Amino acid sequence: MPMETLHPKIGIIGGGNVGIRYACGLMINGLARSIIIVDLDKKRSQGEAKYCA
């Protein structure tokens, strides 16, 4: 399968500035089929994910 058609599932540990910006970049560029953000502060990571979407 060519690399252009691969869209993996990606998990990011840490919903801080770097993790969220990385997730947003993946979404904007269409490089991931799905993204999971894991963080101790559930409310913050959910809010940041909504900001990205």
PDB file of N, CA and C in Angstrom:
ATOM      1  N   MET A   1       0.839  -1.172   0.000  1.00  0.00           N
ATOM      2  CA  MET A   1       0.000   0.000   0.000  1.00  0.00           C
ATOM      3  C   MET A   1       0.889   1.241   0.000  1.00  0.00           C
ATOM      4  N   PRO A   2       0.654   2.203  -0.888  1.00  0.00           N
ATOM      5  CA  PRO A   2       1.470   3.420  -0.922  1.00  0.00           C
ATOM      6  C   PRO A   2       1.317   4.237   0.358  1.00  0.00           C
ATOM      7  N   MET A   3       2.374   4.920   0.724  1.00  0.00           N
ATOM      8  CA  MET A   3       2.357   5.737   1.944  1.00  0.00           C
ATOM      9  C   MET A   3       1.278   6.819   1.908  1.00  0.00           C
ATOM     10  N   GLU A   4       0.910   7.301   0.723  1.00  0.00           N
ATOM     11  CA  GLU A   4      -0.087   8.370   0.627  1.00  0.00           C
ATOM     12  C   GLU A   4      -1.456   7.918   1.119  1.00  0.00           C
ATOM     13  N   THR A   5      -1.748   6.623   1.034  1.00  0.00           N
ATOM     14  CA  THR A   5      -3.064   6.133   1.421  1.00  0.00           C
ATOM     15  C   THR A   5      -3.119   5.630   2.852  1.00  0.00           C
ATOM     16  N   LEU A   6      -2.004   5.549   3.547  1.00  0.00           N
ATOM     17  CA  LEU A   6      -2.011   5.096   4.928  1.00  0.00           C
ATOM     18  C   LEU A   6      -2.430   6.225   5.860  1.00  0.00           C
ATOM     19  N   HIS A   7      -3.409   5.956   6.679  1.00  0.00           N
ATOM     20  CA  HIS A   7      -3.866   6.912   7.679  1.00  0.00           C
ATOM     21  C   HIS A   7      -4.024   6.153   8.988  1.00  0.00           C
ATOM     22  N   PRO A   8      -2.962   6.094   9.790  1.00  0.00           N
ATOM     23  CA  PRO A   8      -2.991   5.289  11.002  1.00  0.00           C
ATOM     24  C   PRO A   8      -3.823   5.908  12.121  1.00  0.00           C
ATOM     25  N   LYS A   9      -4.134   5.082  13.100  1.00  0.00           N
ATOM     26  CA  LYS A   9      -4.711   5.552  14.346  1.00  0.00           C
ATOM     27  C   LYS A   9      -3.536   5.990  15.205  1.00  0.00           C
ATOM     28  N   ILE A  10      -3.648   7.151  15.844  1.00  0.00           N
ATOM     29  CA  ILE A  10      -2.527   7.701  16.611  1.00  0.00           C
ATOM     30  C   ILE A  10      -2.989   8.034  18.021  1.00  0.00           C
ATOM     31  N   GLY A  11      -2.188   7.641  19.002  1.00  0.00           N
ATOM     32  CA  GLY A  11      -2.441   7.969  20.396  1.00  0.00           C
ATOM     33  C   GLY A  11      -1.399   8.956  20.887  1.00  0.00           C
ATOM     34  N   ILE A  12      -1.847   9.992  21.575  1.00  0.00           N
ATOM     35  CA  ILE A  12      -0.945  11.015  22.110  1.00  0.00           C
ATOM     36  C   ILE A  12      -1.084  11.012  23.619  1.00  0.00           C
ATOM     37  N   ILE A  13       0.023  10.863  24.311  1.00  0.00           N
ATOM     38  CA  ILE A  13       0.012  10.890  25.769  1.00  0.00           C
ATOM     39  C   ILE A  13       0.388  12.284  26.213  1.00  0.00           C
ATOM     40  N   GLY A  14      -0.544  12.947  26.860  1.00  0.00           N
ATOM     41  CA  GLY A  14      -0.328  14.300  27.348  1.00  0.00           C
ATOM     42  C   GLY A  14      -1.128  15.302  26.533  1.00  0.00           C
ATOM     43  N   GLY A  15      -2.063  15.966  27.185  1.00  0.00           N
ATOM     44  CA  GLY A  15      -2.909  16.940  26.518  1.00  0.00           C
ATOM     45  C   GLY A  15      -2.448  18.367  26.755  1.00  0.00           C
ATOM     46  N   GLY A  16      -1.156  18.547  26.942  1.00  0.00           N
ATOM     47  CA  GLY A  16      -0.615  19.894  27.120  1.00  0.00           C
ATOM     48  C   GLY A  16      -0.474  20.602  25.784  1.00  0.00           C
ATOM     49  N   ASN A  17       0.244  21.698  25.793  1.00  0.00           N
ATOM     50  CA  ASN A  17       0.399  22.495  24.570  1.00  0.00           C
ATOM     51  C   ASN A  17       1.003  21.706  23.419  1.00  0.00           C
ATOM     52  N   VAL A  18       2.039  20.952  23.670  1.00  0.00           N
ATOM     53  CA  VAL A  18       2.705  20.212  22.602  1.00  0.00           C
ATOM     54  C   VAL A  18       1.806  19.106  22.061  1.00  0.00           C
ATOM     55  N   GLY A  19       1.196  18.329  22.944  1.00  0.00           N
ATOM     56  CA  GLY A  19       0.333  17.239  22.509  1.00  0.00           C
ATOM     57  C   GLY A  19      -0.848  17.719  21.694  1.00  0.00           C
ATOM     58  N   ILE A  20      -1.490  18.793  22.142  1.00  0.00           N
ATOM     59  CA  ILE A  20      -2.659  19.318  21.434  1.00  0.00           C
ATOM     60  C   ILE A  20      -2.259  19.913  20.095  1.00  0.00           C
ATOM     61  N   ARG A  21      -1.175  20.649  20.056  1.00  0.00           N
ATOM     62  CA  ARG A  21      -0.728  21.239  18.779  1.00  0.00           C
ATOM     63  C   ARG A  21      -0.341  20.144  17.779  1.00  0.00           C
ATOM     64  N   TYR A  22       0.253  19.088  18.280  1.00  0.00           N
ATOM     65  CA  TYR A  22       0.613  17.957  17.422  1.00  0.00           C
ATOM     66  C   TYR A  22      -0.657  17.315  16.857  1.00  0.00           C
ATOM     67  N   ALA A  23      -1.656  17.124  17.710  1.00  0.00           N
ATOM     68  CA  ALA A  23      -2.928  16.539  17.268  1.00  0.00           C
ATOM     69  C   ALA A  23      -3.606  17.430  16.234  1.00  0.00           C
ATOM     70  N   CYS A  24      -3.605  18.737  16.466  1.00  0.00           N
ATOM     71  CA  CYS A  24      -4.208  19.675  15.508  1.00  0.00           C
ATOM     72  C   CYS A  24      -3.490  19.611  14.168  1.00  0.00           C
ATOM     73  N   GLY A  25      -2.173  19.536  14.192  1.00  0.00           N
ATOM     74  CA  GLY A  25      -1.399  19.443  12.961  1.00  0.00           C
ATOM     75  C   GLY A  25      -1.726  18.175  12.186  1.00  0.00           C
ATOM     76  N   LEU A  26      -1.873  17.073  12.908  1.00  0.00           N
ATOM     77  CA  LEU A  26      -2.239  15.815  12.255  1.00  0.00           C
ATOM     78  C   LEU A  26      -3.617  15.916  11.606  1.00  0.00           C
ATOM     79  N   MET A  27      -4.551  16.554  12.317  1.00  0.00           N
ATOM     80  CA  MET A  27      -5.905  16.695  11.784  1.00  0.00           C
ATOM     81  C   MET A  27      -5.925  17.600  10.561  1.00  0.00           C
ATOM     82  N   ILE A  28      -5.265  18.726  10.650  1.00  0.00           N
ATOM     83  CA  ILE A  28      -5.262  19.693   9.552  1.00  0.00           C
ATOM     84  C   ILE A  28      -4.665  19.087   8.289  1.00  0.00           C
ATOM     85  N   ASN A  29      -3.600  18.310   8.443  1.00  0.00           N
ATOM     86  CA  ASN A  29      -2.934  17.706   7.299  1.00  0.00           C
ATOM     87  C   ASN A  29      -3.534  16.374   6.876  1.00  0.00           C
ATOM     88  N   GLY A  30      -4.541  15.893   7.606  1.00  0.00           N
ATOM     89  CA  GLY A  30      -5.198  14.646   7.252  1.00  0.00           C
ATOM     90  C   GLY A  30      -4.290  13.431   7.347  1.00  0.00           C
ATOM     91  N   LEU A  31      -3.406  13.422   8.337  1.00  0.00           N
ATOM     92  CA  LEU A  31      -2.420  12.343   8.445  1.00  0.00           C
ATOM     93  C   LEU A  31      -2.848  11.202   9.357  1.00  0.00           C
ATOM     94  N   ALA A  32      -3.983  11.333  10.019  1.00  0.00           N
ATOM     95  CA  ALA A  32      -4.422  10.284  10.936  1.00  0.00           C
ATOM     96  C   ALA A  32      -5.887   9.946  10.700  1.00  0.00           C
ATOM     97  N   ARG A  33      -6.188   8.674  10.811  1.00  0.00           N
ATOM     98  CA  ARG A  33      -7.570   8.223  10.694  1.00  0.00           C
ATOM     99  C   ARG A  33      -8.339   8.576  11.965  1.00  0.00           C
ATOM    100  N   SER A  34      -7.706   8.384  13.108  1.00  0.00           N
ATOM    101  CA  SER A  34      -8.288   8.800  14.379  1.00  0.00           C
ATOM    102  C   SER A  34      -7.156   9.141  15.340  1.00  0.00           C
ATOM    103  N   ILE A  35      -7.457  10.047  16.267  1.00  0.00           N
ATOM    104  CA  ILE A  35      -6.467  10.504  17.240  1.00  0.00           C
ATOM    105  C   ILE A  35      -7.065  10.364  18.630  1.00  0.00           C
ATOM    106  N   ILE A  36      -6.304   9.765  19.530  1.00  0.00           N
ATOM    107  CA  ILE A  36      -6.717   9.619  20.923  1.00  0.00           C
ATOM    108  C   ILE A  36      -5.739  10.407  21.774  1.00  0.00           C
ATOM    109  N   ILE A  37      -6.272  11.291  22.622  1.00  0.00           N
ATOM    110  CA  ILE A  37      -5.441  12.092  23.522  1.00  0.00           C
ATOM    111  C   ILE A  37      -5.699  11.607  24.942  1.00  0.00           C
ATOM    112  N   VAL A  38      -4.636  11.183  25.623  1.00  0.00           N
ATOM    113  CA  VAL A  38      -4.739  10.680  26.990  1.00  0.00           C
ATOM    114  C   VAL A  38      -4.066  11.682  27.917  1.00  0.00           C
ATOM    115  N   ASP A  39      -4.807  12.114  28.939  1.00  0.00           N
ATOM    116  CA  ASP A  39      -4.263  13.075  29.894  1.00  0.00           C
ATOM    117  C   ASP A  39      -4.925  12.847  31.243  1.00  0.00           C
ATOM    118  N   LEU A  40      -4.244  13.216  32.314  1.00  0.00           N
ATOM    119  CA  LEU A  40      -4.831  13.079  33.649  1.00  0.00           C
ATOM    120  C   LEU A  40      -6.000  14.031  33.853  1.00  0.00           C
ATOM    121  N   ASP A  41      -5.935  15.204  33.243  1.00  0.00           N
ATOM    122  CA  ASP A  41      -6.997  16.199  33.349  1.00  0.00           C
ATOM    123  C   ASP A  41      -7.981  16.004  32.187  1.00  0.00           C
ATOM    124  N   LYS A  42      -9.008  15.198  32.434  1.00  0.00           N
ATOM    125  CA  LYS A  42      -9.951  14.806  31.386  1.00  0.00           C
ATOM    126  C   LYS A  42     -10.696  16.011  30.806  1.00  0.00           C
ATOM    127  N   LYS A  43     -11.130  16.923  31.673  1.00  0.00           N
ATOM    128  CA  LYS A  43     -11.871  18.100  31.199  1.00  0.00           C
ATOM    129  C   LYS A  43     -11.030  18.948  30.254  1.00  0.00           C
ATOM    130  N   ARG A  44      -9.787  19.152  30.607  1.00  0.00           N
ATOM    131  CA  ARG A  44      -8.912  19.989  29.776  1.00  0.00           C
ATOM    132  C   ARG A  44      -8.678  19.345  28.414  1.00  0.00           C
ATOM    133  N   SER A  45      -8.379  18.052  28.404  1.00  0.00           N
ATOM    134  CA  SER A  45      -8.105  17.387  27.133  1.00  0.00           C
ATOM    135  C   SER A  45      -9.347  17.361  26.242  1.00  0.00           C
ATOM    136  N   GLN A  46     -10.528  17.224  26.828  1.00  0.00           N
ATOM    137  CA  GLN A  46     -11.769  17.263  26.044  1.00  0.00           C
ATOM    138  C   GLN A  46     -11.986  18.661  25.481  1.00  0.00           C
ATOM    139  N   GLY A  47     -11.739  19.669  26.271  1.00  0.00           N
ATOM    140  CA  GLY A  47     -11.897  21.044  25.808  1.00  0.00           C
ATOM    141  C   GLY A  47     -10.914  21.384  24.696  1.00  0.00           C
ATOM    142  N   GLU A  48      -9.691  20.967  24.839  1.00  0.00           N
ATOM    143  CA  GLU A  48      -8.687  21.222  23.817  1.00  0.00           C
ATOM    144  C   GLU A  48      -9.023  20.487  22.527  1.00  0.00           C
ATOM    145  N   ALA A  49      -9.542  19.260  22.664  1.00  0.00           N
ATOM    146  CA  ALA A  49      -9.915  18.499  21.468  1.00  0.00           C
ATOM    147  C   ALA A  49     -11.057  19.194  20.726  1.00  0.00           C
ATOM    148  N   LYS A  50     -12.003  19.765  21.445  1.00  0.00           N
ATOM    149  CA  LYS A  50     -13.098  20.509  20.806  1.00  0.00           C
ATOM    150  C   LYS A  50     -12.569  21.760  20.109  1.00  0.00           C
ATOM    151  N   TYR A  51     -11.548  22.378  20.706  1.00  0.00           N
ATOM    152  CA  TYR A  51     -10.934  23.552  20.082  1.00  0.00           C
ATOM    153  C   TYR A  51     -10.305  23.198  18.749  1.00  0.00           C
ATOM    154  N   CYS A  52      -9.685  22.024  18.698  1.00  0.00           N
ATOM    155  CA  CYS A  52      -9.031  21.571  17.459  1.00  0.00           C
ATOM    156  C   CYS A  52     -10.038  21.233  16.380  1.00  0.00           C
ATOM    157  N   ALA A  53     -11.138  20.657  16.767  1.00  0.00           N
ATOM    158  CA  ALA A  53     -12.142  20.222  15.782  1.00  0.00           C
ATOM    159  C   ALA A  53     -12.826  21.439  15.260  1.00  0.00           C
TER     160      ALA A  53
END
